[in-house]
Amino acid sequence: MNLKAALKKLIVGGEQQPPPDLGRNDICWCGSQRKYKQCHMSSDNQRRSAARATGPKGASGKIF
């Protein structure tokens, strides 16, 4: 890893992994032993919707 890549990783952060798909009543992925719906579900949903909003440009999703 060169210096430029190391600085970019430090400033921007590493690649963020998408949150795992869990059911509402499953144990949370963070290891807190709480239900997912009471722990990280709302923040994961916000992160997913933000990722969809900044998706590929020009893709309207319409067939015609």
N, C-alpha and C. Protein backbone atom coordinates (compact mmCIF):
# COMPACT_ATOMS: atom_id res chain seq x y z
N MET A 1 0.85 -1.17 0.00
CA MET A 1 0.00 0.00 0.00
C MET A 1 0.90 1.23 0.00
N ASN A 2 0.64 2.12 -0.92
CA ASN A 2 1.46 3.32 -0.97
C ASN A 2 0.91 4.40 -0.03
N LEU A 3 1.62 5.48 0.08
CA LEU A 3 1.26 6.54 1.02
C LEU A 3 -0.08 7.18 0.66
N LYS A 4 -0.31 7.39 -0.62
CA LYS A 4 -1.56 8.03 -1.05
C LYS A 4 -2.77 7.16 -0.69
N ALA A 5 -2.66 5.88 -0.93
CA ALA A 5 -3.76 4.96 -0.60
C ALA A 5 -3.98 4.87 0.90
N ALA A 6 -2.89 4.90 1.66
CA ALA A 6 -3.00 4.84 3.12
C ALA A 6 -3.68 6.09 3.66
N LEU A 7 -3.33 7.25 3.13
CA LEU A 7 -3.95 8.49 3.59
C LEU A 7 -5.43 8.54 3.21
N LYS A 8 -5.75 8.07 2.00
CA LYS A 8 -7.14 8.05 1.58
C LYS A 8 -7.96 7.14 2.49
N LYS A 9 -7.41 5.98 2.82
CA LYS A 9 -8.11 5.05 3.69
C LYS A 9 -8.30 5.65 5.08
N LEU A 10 -7.31 6.40 5.56
CA LEU A 10 -7.38 7.03 6.87
C LEU A 10 -8.44 8.13 6.89
N ILE A 11 -8.47 8.96 5.84
CA ILE A 11 -9.39 10.09 5.80
C ILE A 11 -10.81 9.64 5.50
N VAL A 12 -10.97 8.85 4.44
CA VAL A 12 -12.29 8.43 4.00
C VAL A 12 -12.81 7.27 4.85
N GLY A 13 -11.92 6.48 5.36
CA GLY A 13 -12.31 5.28 6.07
C GLY A 13 -12.27 4.11 5.11
N GLY A 14 -12.27 2.94 5.63
CA GLY A 14 -12.25 1.75 4.78
C GLY A 14 -13.58 1.57 4.10
N GLU A 15 -13.64 0.58 3.23
CA GLU A 15 -14.91 0.28 2.59
C GLU A 15 -15.87 -0.21 3.66
N GLN A 16 -17.04 0.39 3.67
CA GLN A 16 -18.03 0.00 4.65
C GLN A 16 -18.83 -1.17 4.11
N GLN A 17 -18.98 -2.18 4.92
CA GLN A 17 -19.77 -3.32 4.52
C GLN A 17 -21.23 -3.00 4.76
N PRO A 18 -22.10 -3.45 3.87
CA PRO A 18 -23.52 -3.21 4.09
C PRO A 18 -23.99 -4.00 5.31
N PRO A 19 -24.95 -3.46 6.04
CA PRO A 19 -25.45 -4.19 7.20
C PRO A 19 -26.11 -5.49 6.78
N PRO A 20 -25.99 -6.53 7.57
CA PRO A 20 -26.57 -7.82 7.19
C PRO A 20 -28.09 -7.77 7.23
N ASP A 21 -28.74 -8.60 6.43
CA ASP A 21 -30.19 -8.68 6.43
C ASP A 21 -30.63 -9.62 7.54
N LEU A 22 -31.31 -9.07 8.51
CA LEU A 22 -31.79 -9.85 9.64
C LEU A 22 -33.29 -9.62 9.80
N GLY A 23 -33.93 -10.55 10.47
CA GLY A 23 -35.33 -10.37 10.82
C GLY A 23 -35.42 -9.45 12.03
N ARG A 24 -36.59 -8.89 12.22
CA ARG A 24 -36.77 -7.93 13.32
C ARG A 24 -36.45 -8.53 14.69
N ASN A 25 -36.79 -9.79 14.89
CA ASN A 25 -36.65 -10.40 16.21
C ASN A 25 -35.37 -11.21 16.37
N ASP A 26 -34.47 -11.15 15.39
CA ASP A 26 -33.19 -11.83 15.52
C ASP A 26 -32.28 -11.05 16.46
N ILE A 27 -31.28 -11.73 16.99
CA ILE A 27 -30.28 -11.07 17.83
C ILE A 27 -29.46 -10.13 16.94
N CYS A 28 -29.16 -8.94 17.43
CA CYS A 28 -28.46 -7.93 16.65
C CYS A 28 -27.06 -8.41 16.27
N TRP A 29 -26.61 -7.95 15.11
CA TRP A 29 -25.30 -8.34 14.58
C TRP A 29 -24.15 -7.74 15.37
N CYS A 30 -24.38 -6.72 16.17
CA CYS A 30 -23.29 -6.04 16.87
C CYS A 30 -22.81 -6.81 18.10
N GLY A 31 -23.57 -7.81 18.52
CA GLY A 31 -23.15 -8.61 19.67
C GLY A 31 -23.69 -8.12 20.99
N SER A 32 -24.66 -7.21 20.96
CA SER A 32 -25.19 -6.65 22.20
C SER A 32 -26.19 -7.58 22.89
N GLN A 33 -26.60 -8.65 22.20
CA GLN A 33 -27.58 -9.61 22.69
C GLN A 33 -28.97 -9.00 22.82
N ARG A 34 -29.19 -7.84 22.18
CA ARG A 34 -30.52 -7.23 22.13
C ARG A 34 -31.17 -7.62 20.81
N LYS A 35 -32.49 -7.46 20.73
CA LYS A 35 -33.17 -7.71 19.47
C LYS A 35 -32.75 -6.65 18.46
N TYR A 36 -32.66 -7.07 17.20
CA TYR A 36 -32.23 -6.18 16.13
C TYR A 36 -33.13 -4.95 16.04
N LYS A 37 -34.45 -5.14 16.21
CA LYS A 37 -35.37 -4.01 16.05
C LYS A 37 -35.17 -2.95 17.13
N GLN A 38 -34.60 -3.31 18.27
CA GLN A 38 -34.38 -2.36 19.34
C GLN A 38 -32.95 -1.82 19.37
N CYS A 39 -32.09 -2.36 18.52
CA CYS A 39 -30.69 -1.98 18.58
C CYS A 39 -30.26 -1.19 17.34
N HIS A 40 -30.12 -1.83 16.21
CA HIS A 40 -29.55 -1.19 15.02
C HIS A 40 -30.48 -1.11 13.81
N MET A 41 -31.72 -1.55 13.93
CA MET A 41 -32.58 -1.60 12.75
C MET A 41 -32.82 -0.22 12.14
N SER A 42 -33.09 0.78 12.94
CA SER A 42 -33.39 2.11 12.39
C SER A 42 -32.16 2.73 11.72
N SER A 43 -31.00 2.59 12.33
CA SER A 43 -29.79 3.17 11.72
C SER A 43 -29.41 2.42 10.45
N ASP A 44 -29.61 1.10 10.40
CA ASP A 44 -29.31 0.34 9.20
C ASP A 44 -30.27 0.71 8.07
N ASN A 45 -31.55 0.93 8.40
CA ASN A 45 -32.51 1.33 7.38
C ASN A 45 -32.17 2.70 6.80
N GLN A 46 -31.72 3.63 7.64
CA GLN A 46 -31.31 4.95 7.16
C GLN A 46 -30.11 4.83 6.25
N ARG A 47 -29.16 3.98 6.61
CA ARG A 47 -27.96 3.79 5.79
C ARG A 47 -28.32 3.17 4.43
N ARG A 48 -29.25 2.20 4.43
CA ARG A 48 -29.67 1.59 3.17
C ARG A 48 -30.39 2.59 2.28
N SER A 49 -31.28 3.41 2.86
CA SER A 49 -32.01 4.37 2.03
C SER A 49 -31.08 5.45 1.49
N ALA A 50 -30.06 5.84 2.25
CA ALA A 50 -29.09 6.81 1.76
C ALA A 50 -28.27 6.21 0.62
N ALA A 51 -27.94 4.94 0.72
CA ALA A 51 -27.17 4.28 -0.33
C ALA A 51 -28.01 4.17 -1.60
N ARG A 52 -29.31 3.92 -1.46
CA ARG A 52 -30.17 3.85 -2.63
C ARG A 52 -30.33 5.23 -3.27
N ALA A 53 -30.38 6.28 -2.47
CA ALA A 53 -30.56 7.63 -2.99
C ALA A 53 -29.33 8.08 -3.77
N THR A 54 -28.16 7.62 -3.40
CA THR A 54 -26.94 8.01 -4.09
C THR A 54 -26.50 6.94 -5.08
N GLY A 55 -27.44 6.13 -5.53
CA GLY A 55 -27.16 5.05 -6.46
C GLY A 55 -26.69 5.57 -7.81
N PRO A 56 -26.67 4.73 -8.83
CA PRO A 56 -26.18 5.13 -10.15
C PRO A 56 -27.00 6.28 -10.73
N LYS A 57 -26.31 7.22 -11.32
CA LYS A 57 -26.97 8.39 -11.91
C LYS A 57 -27.64 8.02 -13.21
N GLY A 58 -28.81 8.59 -13.45
CA GLY A 58 -29.51 8.38 -14.71
C GLY A 58 -30.37 7.13 -14.73
N ALA A 59 -30.33 6.32 -13.74
CA ALA A 59 -31.14 5.11 -13.71
C ALA A 59 -32.47 5.47 -13.07
N SER A 60 -33.50 5.58 -13.88
CA SER A 60 -34.81 5.98 -13.37
C SER A 60 -35.60 4.80 -12.85
N GLY A 61 -35.23 3.60 -13.25
CA GLY A 61 -35.94 2.42 -12.80
C GLY A 61 -37.17 2.11 -13.62
N LYS A 62 -37.43 2.92 -14.65
CA LYS A 62 -38.60 2.70 -15.50
C LYS A 62 -38.21 1.81 -16.67
N ILE A 63 -39.18 1.00 -17.11
CA ILE A 63 -38.94 0.11 -18.23
C ILE A 63 -38.99 0.89 -19.54
N PHE A 64 -40.02 1.77 -19.69
CA PHE A 64 -40.16 2.57 -20.91
C PHE A 64 -40.24 4.02 -20.58
